[in-house]
Amino acid sequence: MAKANRVYPKKVPVSKNQEVEAEVIDITYQGMGVIKVDSFPIFVVDAIPGETLRVVVTKVLKNYAFGRVIKRVTVSPDRVSDVDQVAITTGIAPLANLKYDAQLKFKQRQIEQLFKKVNLSVNVAPTIGMTNPTAYRNKAQVPVQMIDGQLTTGFYRRGSHKLVPVDNFYIQDPKVDEAVRVTRDILRDYNLSAYDEQTKKGVVRHIMARRGYYSHELMVVIVTNTKRLPEAEEIADKLRAKLPELKSFIHNINNHDTNVIMGDWNETIWGADDIHDQLMGKDFVIGPNSFYQVNPQTTSVLYTLAAKKAGLKATDTVVDAYSGIGTITLSIADHVKKVYGVEVIEGAVADAEKNAQNNHISNVEFVLADAPEQMVKWANEGLKPDVVFVDPPRKGLTSELIEAVSTMAPETFVYISCNPATLARDAVEILANGYVIDGDIQPLDQFPQTTHIESVTVFKRGVKS
């Protein structure tokens, strides 16, 4: 009787503390360099393709390992030599060691490779970049910890909850960084403690600051584990004295054992409940919990491009799925007959309706619902839009939403993606539901110095496969 075939575990070719020398062949989606020993991958911080490195293995797992650079035998011409190492080691800006033109090519290549993995042949245009790819983020949510007896702000070291003290976040608006530092120092003046995840004691969990890129209106939010913010009025007075742009100071409560940064309860300690900013000629209300693109400079480029590629007409009816506070909906409303927006977050819908009213836009309608469920409902009700925009979270689209769009049968389906892996996965299903990709996939660098990629793909109704 023949014995069943056995699969013997393959021996890992490296061990912890072993030193190896190899060439960096790729960068991961987390911004780590990849070297291989006998086809076994080792991931290395601050390593870019084209470099030959001497590496010590720091951790070994079943299918891969991690390593640390001991020596650069050869240095890539694409390397930035004077970058702040904290930005690399913490993951604040994992691509800051790579010249900007090489970053743009890396992002274009990422999309190409992911579509190749799902056996789709596509054209990916060169990535649209920024003139100044630093200091662009208009929002910071900064964790705090007690270090050497005082409340400290910073960023977690990669793969840990060990806080690395940071004052300059490199990719953030300097005024946002300043607001975080000033708030931290005031909290120190009043000896406020940081929340401890282990003991579940302490007061402050995060400091959040956001600033209108065009309006220069500033909001500061202190997130606490406690229902009360000690010395709240005194803190407000000091913030007002030190931050002339301050328009809103808010206390947010998050007393749940969770990785979610902001809680649902807000108390305005001083000033307005929200701030404003302008985007594509429209004014937007931004509350403490509002989703608003962190890089409005490229957001206007992104939405203008998406609208242009959609070929919008004055007679069109449009659906905007995942409409948030209405940024896409309101930016295209002037060009079409009617826009329907759907969003699952109640506060975002309230902001969207307020934004429509403030901008005197009457041809939009916002629905509070889960986007896939509402799209199915609209399909069943016989809504027949000419164009559908989707701008989903990183997890991408559901099969139900894709099927609902197919039932609605719009001529044009515009997919704005922040995750090329789920875009490629969803594209397979969209094509199977009767669409073809129209033109190039267009990457935009919404998040310079990081591995995140925004892109626009336009699908046109074709023949169902």
Protein backbone atom coordinates (compact mmCIF):
# COMPACT_ATOMS: atom_id res chain seq x y z
CA MET A 1 0.00 0.00 0.00
CA ALA A 2 1.50 3.32 -1.06
CA LYS A 3 2.25 5.81 1.66
CA ALA A 4 0.56 9.20 1.53
CA ASN A 5 2.80 11.97 0.32
CA ARG A 6 4.22 13.96 3.20
CA VAL A 7 5.08 17.63 3.12
CA TYR A 8 8.24 18.22 5.11
CA PRO A 9 8.80 21.73 6.46
CA LYS A 10 11.48 23.57 4.58
CA LYS A 11 14.43 24.57 6.71
CA VAL A 12 14.77 28.30 7.21
CA PRO A 13 18.14 29.34 5.70
CA VAL A 14 18.97 32.03 8.28
CA SER A 15 19.06 32.30 12.05
CA LYS A 16 18.81 35.16 14.53
CA ASN A 17 22.02 37.24 14.88
CA GLN A 18 23.41 35.77 11.64
CA GLU A 19 25.07 38.27 9.32
CA VAL A 20 24.31 38.13 5.59
CA GLU A 21 25.23 40.21 2.56
CA ALA A 22 22.74 40.68 -0.26
CA GLU A 23 21.27 43.15 -2.74
CA VAL A 24 18.00 44.94 -2.04
CA ILE A 25 15.56 43.86 -4.75
CA ASP A 26 12.29 45.54 -3.80
CA ILE A 27 10.37 47.65 -1.27
CA THR A 28 7.36 46.29 0.61
CA TYR A 29 4.05 48.10 1.01
CA GLN A 30 5.28 49.03 4.50
CA GLY A 31 8.35 50.74 3.02
CA MET A 32 10.90 48.11 4.05
CA GLY A 33 13.65 46.90 1.74
CA VAL A 34 13.64 43.25 0.66
CA ILE A 35 16.71 41.04 0.41
CA LYS A 36 16.65 37.28 -0.17
CA VAL A 37 18.81 34.37 1.01
CA ASP A 38 18.03 31.17 -0.95
CA SER A 39 14.69 32.75 -2.00
CA PHE A 40 13.85 33.44 1.68
CA PRO A 41 12.82 37.10 2.18
CA ILE A 42 14.35 39.33 4.84
CA PHE A 43 12.74 42.72 5.45
CA VAL A 44 15.07 45.58 6.35
CA VAL A 45 14.29 49.12 7.53
CA ASP A 46 16.00 51.95 5.60
CA ALA A 47 17.01 49.83 2.61
CA ILE A 48 16.21 50.70 -1.00
CA PRO A 49 16.57 48.79 -4.28
CA GLY A 50 19.98 48.75 -5.90
CA GLU A 51 21.91 48.74 -2.63
CA THR A 52 24.11 45.88 -1.44
CA LEU A 53 23.92 45.57 2.34
CA ARG A 54 25.54 43.77 5.20
CA VAL A 55 22.60 42.85 7.45
CA VAL A 56 22.22 41.19 10.84
CA VAL A 57 19.10 39.05 11.20
CA THR A 58 17.03 40.32 14.16
CA LYS A 59 13.94 38.10 14.03
CA VAL A 60 13.12 34.87 12.19
CA LEU A 61 9.62 33.61 11.42
CA LYS A 62 8.39 30.66 9.37
CA ASN A 63 8.17 32.40 6.00
CA TYR A 64 10.29 35.51 6.40
CA ALA A 65 12.70 37.35 8.68
CA PHE A 66 13.65 40.87 9.69
CA GLY A 67 17.10 42.40 9.61
CA ARG A 68 19.06 45.55 10.49
CA VAL A 69 21.67 47.27 8.34
CA ILE A 70 25.24 46.94 9.60
CA LYS A 71 26.96 48.34 6.54
CA ARG A 72 26.03 49.67 3.11
CA VAL A 73 28.43 47.99 0.75
CA THR A 74 26.99 49.95 -2.17
CA VAL A 75 24.63 52.93 -1.95
CA SER A 76 21.76 53.53 -4.37
CA PRO A 77 21.87 56.76 -6.41
CA ASP A 78 18.19 57.14 -5.44
CA ARG A 79 19.03 57.44 -1.73
CA VAL A 80 18.42 60.68 0.18
CA SER A 81 21.41 60.95 2.47
CA ASP A 82 20.36 63.67 4.93
CA VAL A 83 16.89 62.41 5.91
CA ASP A 84 15.77 62.45 9.56
CA GLN A 85 16.21 58.84 10.72
CA VAL A 86 13.28 59.13 13.17
CA ALA A 87 10.95 59.54 10.18
CA ILE A 88 12.22 56.20 8.84
CA THR A 89 12.46 54.15 12.02
CA THR A 90 9.04 55.16 13.33
CA GLY A 91 7.30 54.81 9.99
CA ILE A 92 6.15 58.45 9.92
CA ALA A 93 7.69 58.78 6.46
CA PRO A 94 8.96 55.32 5.43
CA LEU A 95 9.98 56.47 1.93
CA ALA A 96 11.76 59.65 3.00
CA ASN A 97 15.08 57.94 2.24
CA LEU A 98 14.05 57.61 -1.43
CA LYS A 99 14.38 60.51 -3.90
CA TYR A 100 11.00 61.88 -4.84
CA ASP A 101 11.07 60.92 -8.53
CA ALA A 102 11.92 57.36 -7.45
CA GLN A 103 8.98 57.41 -5.00
CA LEU A 104 6.62 58.33 -7.85
CA LYS A 105 7.97 55.51 -10.05
CA PHE A 106 7.68 53.05 -7.13
CA LYS A 107 3.99 53.89 -6.74
CA GLN A 108 3.31 53.52 -10.45
CA ARG A 109 5.08 50.15 -10.42
CA GLN A 110 3.11 48.98 -7.37
CA ILE A 111 -0.16 49.35 -9.25
CA GLU A 112 1.28 47.64 -12.33
CA GLN A 113 2.46 44.67 -10.27
CA LEU A 114 -0.81 44.26 -8.40
CA PHE A 115 -2.84 44.22 -11.61
CA LYS A 116 -0.38 41.74 -13.09
CA LYS A 117 -1.02 39.45 -10.08
CA VAL A 118 -4.74 39.31 -10.94
CA ASN A 119 -3.92 38.74 -14.64
CA LEU A 120 -5.22 42.07 -15.89
CA SER A 121 -3.31 43.96 -18.55
CA VAL A 122 -3.61 47.69 -17.88
CA ASN A 123 -1.80 50.91 -18.67
CA VAL A 124 -0.71 52.85 -15.57
CA ALA A 125 0.20 56.49 -16.16
CA PRO A 126 3.16 58.12 -14.38
CA THR A 127 2.25 59.21 -10.85
CA ILE A 128 1.21 62.85 -10.47
CA GLY A 129 3.36 64.29 -7.69
CA MET A 130 3.62 67.46 -5.61
CA THR A 131 5.90 70.45 -6.05
CA ASN A 132 6.72 70.32 -2.33
CA PRO A 133 6.17 66.75 -1.07
CA THR A 134 6.69 67.62 2.62
CA ALA A 135 4.74 69.51 5.32
CA TYR A 136 1.43 68.79 3.58
CA ARG A 137 -0.77 67.03 6.19
CA ASN A 138 -3.46 69.28 7.66
CA LYS A 139 -4.29 66.93 10.56
CA ALA A 140 -2.34 65.16 13.30
CA GLN A 141 -3.55 62.61 15.85
CA VAL A 142 -0.57 62.26 18.16
CA PRO A 143 -0.36 59.69 20.98
CA VAL A 144 1.04 60.58 24.39
CA GLN A 145 2.89 58.59 27.04
CA MET A 146 4.62 59.32 30.32
CA ILE A 147 8.39 59.22 29.72
CA ASP A 148 10.78 60.11 32.55
CA GLY A 149 7.85 61.37 34.57
CA GLN A 150 6.39 63.83 32.07
CA LEU A 151 3.73 63.73 29.38
CA THR A 152 5.45 63.21 26.02
CA THR A 153 4.18 63.33 22.43
CA GLY A 154 5.60 61.32 19.58
CA PHE A 155 5.07 58.36 17.30
CA TYR A 156 5.12 54.65 17.96
CA ARG A 157 8.18 52.75 16.80
CA ARG A 158 7.28 50.33 13.98
CA GLY A 159 5.46 47.26 15.23
CA SER A 160 5.28 48.42 18.85
CA HIS A 161 3.56 50.73 21.31
CA LYS A 162 6.89 52.18 22.40
CA LEU A 163 6.66 55.92 21.92
CA VAL A 164 9.52 57.73 20.21
CA PRO A 165 9.49 61.44 21.19
CA VAL A 166 8.94 63.56 18.06
CA ASP A 167 8.52 67.33 17.69
CA ASN A 168 8.80 67.67 13.90
CA PHE A 169 6.69 65.18 11.97
CA TYR A 170 8.21 66.14 8.59
CA ILE A 171 5.07 65.53 6.52
CA GLN A 172 2.75 67.68 8.64
CA ASP A 173 1.91 71.35 8.31
CA PRO A 174 4.41 73.10 10.65
CA LYS A 175 1.50 74.98 12.23
CA VAL A 176 -0.10 71.64 13.13
CA ASP A 177 3.17 70.44 14.67
CA GLU A 178 3.38 73.70 16.60
CA ALA A 179 -0.17 73.28 17.93
CA VAL A 180 0.66 69.78 19.21
CA ARG A 181 3.86 70.98 20.93
CA VAL A 182 2.15 73.97 22.53
CA THR A 183 -0.73 71.83 23.80
CA ARG A 184 1.67 69.24 25.18
CA ASP A 185 3.67 71.87 27.04
CA ILE A 186 0.53 73.37 28.57
CA LEU A 187 -0.62 69.94 29.73
CA ARG A 188 2.81 69.50 31.34
CA ASP A 189 2.35 72.84 33.15
CA TYR A 190 -0.75 71.39 34.81
CA ASN A 191 0.92 68.02 35.51
CA LEU A 192 -1.69 66.09 33.56
CA SER A 193 -0.90 62.41 33.19
CA ALA A 194 -0.94 60.29 30.05
CA TYR A 195 -3.26 57.29 29.84
CA ASP A 196 -1.47 53.98 30.45
CA GLU A 197 -2.75 51.07 28.34
CA GLN A 198 -1.48 48.51 30.86
CA THR A 199 -2.87 49.97 34.10
CA LYS A 200 -5.87 51.66 32.42
CA LYS A 201 -5.09 54.77 34.48
CA GLY A 202 -4.21 58.30 33.46
CA VAL A 203 -5.99 61.13 31.69
CA VAL A 204 -4.77 62.13 28.20
CA ARG A 205 -4.74 59.63 25.32
CA HIS A 206 -4.12 61.77 22.23
CA ILE A 207 -3.72 65.34 21.07
CA MET A 208 -5.41 66.06 17.77
CA ALA A 209 -4.84 69.22 15.73
CA ARG A 210 -6.26 70.11 12.34
CA ARG A 211 -5.85 73.28 10.29
CA GLY A 212 -7.59 74.59 7.22
CA TYR A 213 -5.01 74.76 4.45
CA TYR A 214 -6.70 77.75 2.83
CA SER A 215 -8.64 79.22 5.78
CA HIS A 216 -5.81 78.86 8.35
CA GLU A 217 -8.45 78.08 10.98
CA LEU A 218 -7.04 75.83 13.71
CA MET A 219 -8.75 73.22 15.88
CA VAL A 220 -7.18 71.50 18.90
CA VAL A 221 -8.77 68.41 20.45
CA ILE A 222 -7.60 66.72 23.65
CA VAL A 223 -8.77 63.10 23.84
CA THR A 224 -9.06 61.79 27.40
CA ASN A 225 -9.88 58.54 29.11
CA THR A 226 -11.69 60.55 31.78
CA LYS A 227 -15.08 62.23 31.56
CA ARG A 228 -13.56 65.47 32.75
CA LEU A 229 -10.60 67.43 31.42
CA PRO A 230 -8.91 68.99 34.47
CA GLU A 231 -8.19 72.73 34.25
CA ALA A 232 -10.05 72.90 30.93
CA GLU A 233 -10.80 76.65 31.02
CA GLU A 234 -7.24 77.54 32.06
CA ILE A 235 -5.84 75.34 29.28
CA ALA A 236 -8.13 77.13 26.82
CA ASP A 237 -6.84 80.54 27.92
CA LYS A 238 -3.22 79.48 27.46
CA LEU A 239 -3.90 77.92 24.05
CA ARG A 240 -5.60 81.12 22.86
CA ALA A 241 -2.62 83.18 24.00
CA LYS A 242 -0.06 80.98 22.24
CA LEU A 243 -1.98 79.95 19.09
CA PRO A 244 -3.42 83.03 17.32
CA GLU A 245 -5.12 80.93 14.62
CA LEU A 246 -7.10 78.87 17.16
CA LYS A 247 -10.82 78.83 16.36
CA SER A 248 -11.95 75.71 18.23
CA PHE A 249 -10.80 73.88 21.37
CA ILE A 250 -12.60 70.61 22.06
CA HIS A 251 -12.51 67.90 24.70
CA ASN A 252 -13.19 64.40 23.31
CA ILE A 253 -13.88 61.40 25.57
CA ASN A 254 -12.70 57.92 24.62
CA ASN A 255 -12.92 55.65 27.67
CA HIS A 256 -13.13 52.37 25.76
CA ASP A 257 -10.39 49.75 25.50
CA THR A 258 -9.91 50.22 21.78
CA ASN A 259 -7.43 51.23 19.09
CA VAL A 260 -9.90 53.82 17.80
CA ILE A 261 -8.42 57.24 18.53
CA MET A 262 -11.49 59.47 18.85
CA GLY A 263 -14.56 58.79 20.94
CA ASP A 264 -18.10 59.83 19.97
CA TRP A 265 -18.59 62.47 22.70
CA ASN A 266 -17.28 66.00 22.20
CA GLU A 267 -17.48 69.09 24.42
CA THR A 268 -16.50 72.46 23.01
CA ILE A 269 -14.40 74.12 25.72
CA TRP A 270 -13.84 77.34 23.77
CA GLY A 271 -14.69 78.74 20.35
CA ALA A 272 -16.62 77.11 17.55
CA ASP A 273 -17.79 73.49 17.30
CA ASP A 274 -15.99 73.19 13.97
CA ILE A 275 -13.67 74.94 11.56
CA HIS A 276 -13.95 75.71 7.84
CA ASP A 277 -11.75 75.19 4.82
CA GLN A 278 -12.15 75.74 1.09
CA LEU A 279 -11.80 73.15 -1.64
CA MET A 280 -12.43 73.69 -5.35
CA GLY A 281 -14.28 76.93 -4.68
CA LYS A 282 -16.57 75.43 -2.03
CA ASP A 283 -16.61 76.00 1.71
CA PHE A 284 -16.57 72.94 4.00
CA VAL A 285 -17.44 72.59 7.66
CA ILE A 286 -14.99 70.28 9.46
CA GLY A 287 -15.82 68.93 12.90
CA PRO A 288 -13.56 66.98 15.26
CA ASN A 289 -14.78 63.63 13.93
CA SER A 290 -15.18 64.67 10.28
CA PHE A 291 -13.33 62.85 7.53
CA TYR A 292 -11.62 65.49 5.40
CA GLN A 293 -8.75 64.72 3.06
CA VAL A 294 -5.44 65.38 4.85
CA ASN A 295 -3.80 66.77 1.71
CA PRO A 296 -6.21 69.31 0.18
CA GLN A 297 -3.56 70.48 -2.30
CA THR A 298 -3.68 67.19 -4.20
CA THR A 299 -7.32 66.51 -3.35
CA SER A 300 -8.38 69.34 -5.66
CA VAL A 301 -6.19 67.83 -8.40
CA LEU A 302 -7.67 64.39 -7.71
CA TYR A 303 -11.32 65.47 -7.85
CA THR A 304 -10.79 67.72 -10.88
CA LEU A 305 -9.15 64.81 -12.70
CA ALA A 306 -11.88 62.34 -11.66
CA ALA A 307 -14.61 64.71 -12.87
CA LYS A 308 -12.80 65.32 -16.16
CA LYS A 309 -12.26 61.60 -16.79
CA ALA A 310 -15.94 60.98 -16.01
CA GLY A 311 -16.95 63.29 -18.87
CA LEU A 312 -19.75 64.86 -16.81
CA LYS A 313 -22.67 66.47 -18.66
CA ALA A 314 -25.29 68.96 -17.49
CA THR A 315 -28.03 66.32 -17.97
CA ASP A 316 -26.32 63.64 -15.85
CA THR A 317 -27.65 62.03 -12.69
CA VAL A 318 -24.73 60.97 -10.47
CA VAL A 319 -24.31 58.74 -7.41
CA ASP A 320 -21.43 59.40 -4.99
CA ALA A 321 -20.88 56.38 -2.74
CA TYR A 322 -18.94 56.93 0.50
CA SER A 323 -19.71 60.64 0.22
CA GLY A 324 -18.33 61.71 3.63
CA ILE A 325 -18.90 65.43 4.27
CA GLY A 326 -19.77 65.89 0.60
CA THR A 327 -16.43 66.89 -0.92
CA ILE A 328 -16.89 65.00 -4.21
CA THR A 329 -20.67 65.48 -4.29
CA LEU A 330 -20.50 69.25 -3.94
CA SER A 331 -17.45 69.68 -6.16
CA ILE A 332 -19.28 68.12 -9.15
CA ALA A 333 -22.80 69.43 -8.43
CA ASP A 334 -22.36 72.52 -10.63
CA HIS A 335 -21.66 70.31 -13.67
CA VAL A 336 -24.60 67.87 -13.50
CA LYS A 337 -28.37 67.69 -13.04
CA LYS A 338 -28.51 65.78 -9.73
CA VAL A 339 -26.11 64.08 -7.28
CA TYR A 340 -27.07 61.48 -4.68
CA GLY A 341 -24.57 60.91 -1.86
CA VAL A 342 -24.58 58.01 0.59
CA GLU A 343 -22.56 57.84 3.81
CA VAL A 344 -22.81 55.62 6.91
CA ILE A 345 -21.48 58.12 9.49
CA GLU A 346 -24.28 60.27 10.87
CA GLY A 347 -22.11 63.27 11.71
CA ALA A 348 -20.62 63.27 8.21
CA VAL A 349 -24.07 63.37 6.62
CA ALA A 350 -25.06 66.26 8.89
CA ASP A 351 -21.89 68.10 7.83
CA ALA A 352 -22.58 67.33 4.16
CA GLU A 353 -26.09 68.76 4.38
CA LYS A 354 -24.73 71.84 6.15
CA ASN A 355 -22.05 72.22 3.47
CA ALA A 356 -24.66 72.02 0.71
CA GLN A 357 -26.72 74.70 2.43
CA ASN A 358 -23.72 76.97 3.08
CA ASN A 359 -22.70 76.73 -0.58
CA HIS A 360 -26.27 77.29 -1.83
CA ILE A 361 -26.32 73.95 -3.67
CA SER A 362 -29.81 72.47 -4.04
CA ASN A 363 -29.36 69.64 -6.57
CA VAL A 364 -27.84 67.19 -4.09
CA GLU A 365 -29.40 64.66 -1.75
CA PHE A 366 -27.57 62.86 1.05
CA VAL A 367 -28.70 59.55 2.52
CA LEU A 368 -27.55 58.13 5.85
CA ALA A 369 -26.94 54.44 5.12
CA ASP A 370 -24.29 51.80 4.51
CA ALA A 371 -23.15 52.37 0.93
CA PRO A 372 -23.48 48.73 -0.31
CA GLU A 373 -26.96 48.38 1.21
CA GLN A 374 -28.16 51.72 -0.17
CA MET A 375 -26.77 50.98 -3.62
CA VAL A 376 -28.74 47.70 -3.66
CA LYS A 377 -31.84 49.58 -2.52
CA TRP A 378 -31.45 52.21 -5.23
CA ALA A 379 -30.90 49.49 -7.83
CA ASN A 380 -34.08 47.72 -6.72
CA GLU A 381 -35.98 51.02 -6.86
CA GLY A 382 -34.88 51.50 -10.46
CA LEU A 383 -32.49 54.42 -10.03
CA LYS A 384 -30.50 54.73 -13.27
CA PRO A 385 -27.59 57.13 -12.79
CA ASP A 386 -25.39 58.10 -15.72
CA VAL A 387 -22.24 58.14 -13.56
CA VAL A 388 -21.30 56.45 -10.28
CA PHE A 389 -18.33 57.61 -8.20
CA VAL A 390 -16.91 55.38 -5.47
CA ASP A 391 -14.20 56.42 -3.00
CA PRO A 392 -14.21 53.49 -0.56
CA PRO A 393 -12.05 52.82 2.52
CA ARG A 394 -8.96 50.64 2.19
CA LYS A 395 -10.99 47.41 2.29
CA GLY A 396 -12.45 48.33 -1.10
CA LEU A 397 -15.86 47.42 -2.51
CA THR A 398 -18.21 44.58 -1.71
CA SER A 399 -19.62 42.21 -4.31
CA GLU A 400 -23.09 43.51 -3.41
CA LEU A 401 -22.13 47.07 -4.32
CA ILE A 402 -20.49 46.03 -7.58
CA GLU A 403 -23.56 43.96 -8.53
CA ALA A 404 -25.85 46.89 -7.64
CA VAL A 405 -23.85 49.24 -9.88
CA SER A 406 -24.09 46.65 -12.67
CA THR A 407 -27.87 46.57 -12.21
CA MET A 408 -28.07 50.36 -12.35
CA ALA A 409 -25.94 50.16 -15.50
CA PRO A 410 -24.38 53.63 -15.50
CA GLU A 411 -22.37 54.44 -18.58
CA THR A 412 -19.41 55.48 -16.42
CA PHE A 413 -18.11 54.02 -13.14
CA VAL A 414 -15.31 56.10 -11.54
CA TYR A 415 -13.26 54.32 -8.87
CA ILE A 416 -11.11 56.53 -6.64
CA SER A 417 -8.88 54.16 -4.69
CA CYS A 418 -6.56 54.54 -1.70
CA ASN A 419 -5.47 50.88 -1.86
CA PRO A 420 -4.23 49.42 -5.17
CA ALA A 421 -4.49 45.84 -3.85
CA THR A 422 -8.26 46.05 -3.33
CA LEU A 423 -8.62 48.12 -6.51
CA ALA A 424 -7.03 45.32 -8.54
CA ARG A 425 -9.18 42.71 -6.81
CA ASP A 426 -12.37 44.74 -7.40
CA ALA A 427 -11.44 45.46 -11.03
CA VAL A 428 -11.66 41.74 -11.84
CA GLU A 429 -15.25 41.66 -10.61
CA ILE A 430 -16.22 44.98 -12.20
CA LEU A 431 -14.99 43.77 -15.59
CA ALA A 432 -16.91 40.52 -15.15
CA ASN A 433 -20.04 42.63 -14.55
CA GLY A 434 -19.95 44.22 -17.97
CA TYR A 435 -17.40 47.03 -17.80
CA VAL A 436 -14.09 47.78 -19.47
CA ILE A 437 -11.28 50.01 -18.25
CA ASP A 438 -11.30 53.29 -20.15
CA GLY A 439 -7.85 54.80 -20.60
CA ASP A 440 -4.97 54.73 -18.15
CA ILE A 441 -5.13 54.15 -14.43
CA GLN A 442 -3.89 57.43 -12.97
CA PRO A 443 -1.93 57.38 -9.69
CA LEU A 444 -1.70 60.57 -7.63
CA ASP A 445 0.68 61.09 -4.74
CA GLN A 446 -1.80 62.09 -2.06
CA PHE A 447 0.58 60.89 0.67
CA PRO A 448 4.23 61.70 -0.26
CA GLN A 449 7.02 60.03 1.72
CA THR A 450 4.68 57.11 2.55
CA THR A 451 3.76 53.95 0.65
CA HIS A 452 0.09 54.92 0.31
CA ILE A 453 -1.19 55.48 -3.23
CA GLU A 454 -4.32 57.23 -4.47
CA SER A 455 -5.52 56.51 -8.00
CA VAL A 456 -8.39 57.08 -10.41
CA THR A 457 -9.70 54.32 -12.67
CA VAL A 458 -12.59 54.84 -15.06
CA PHE A 459 -14.75 51.91 -16.14
CA LYS A 460 -17.12 52.20 -19.09
CA ARG A 461 -20.10 49.97 -19.72
CA GLY A 462 -19.14 47.32 -22.23
CA VAL A 463 -20.03 43.67 -22.78
CA LYS A 464 -20.50 41.31 -19.82
CA SER A 465 -17.99 38.44 -19.93
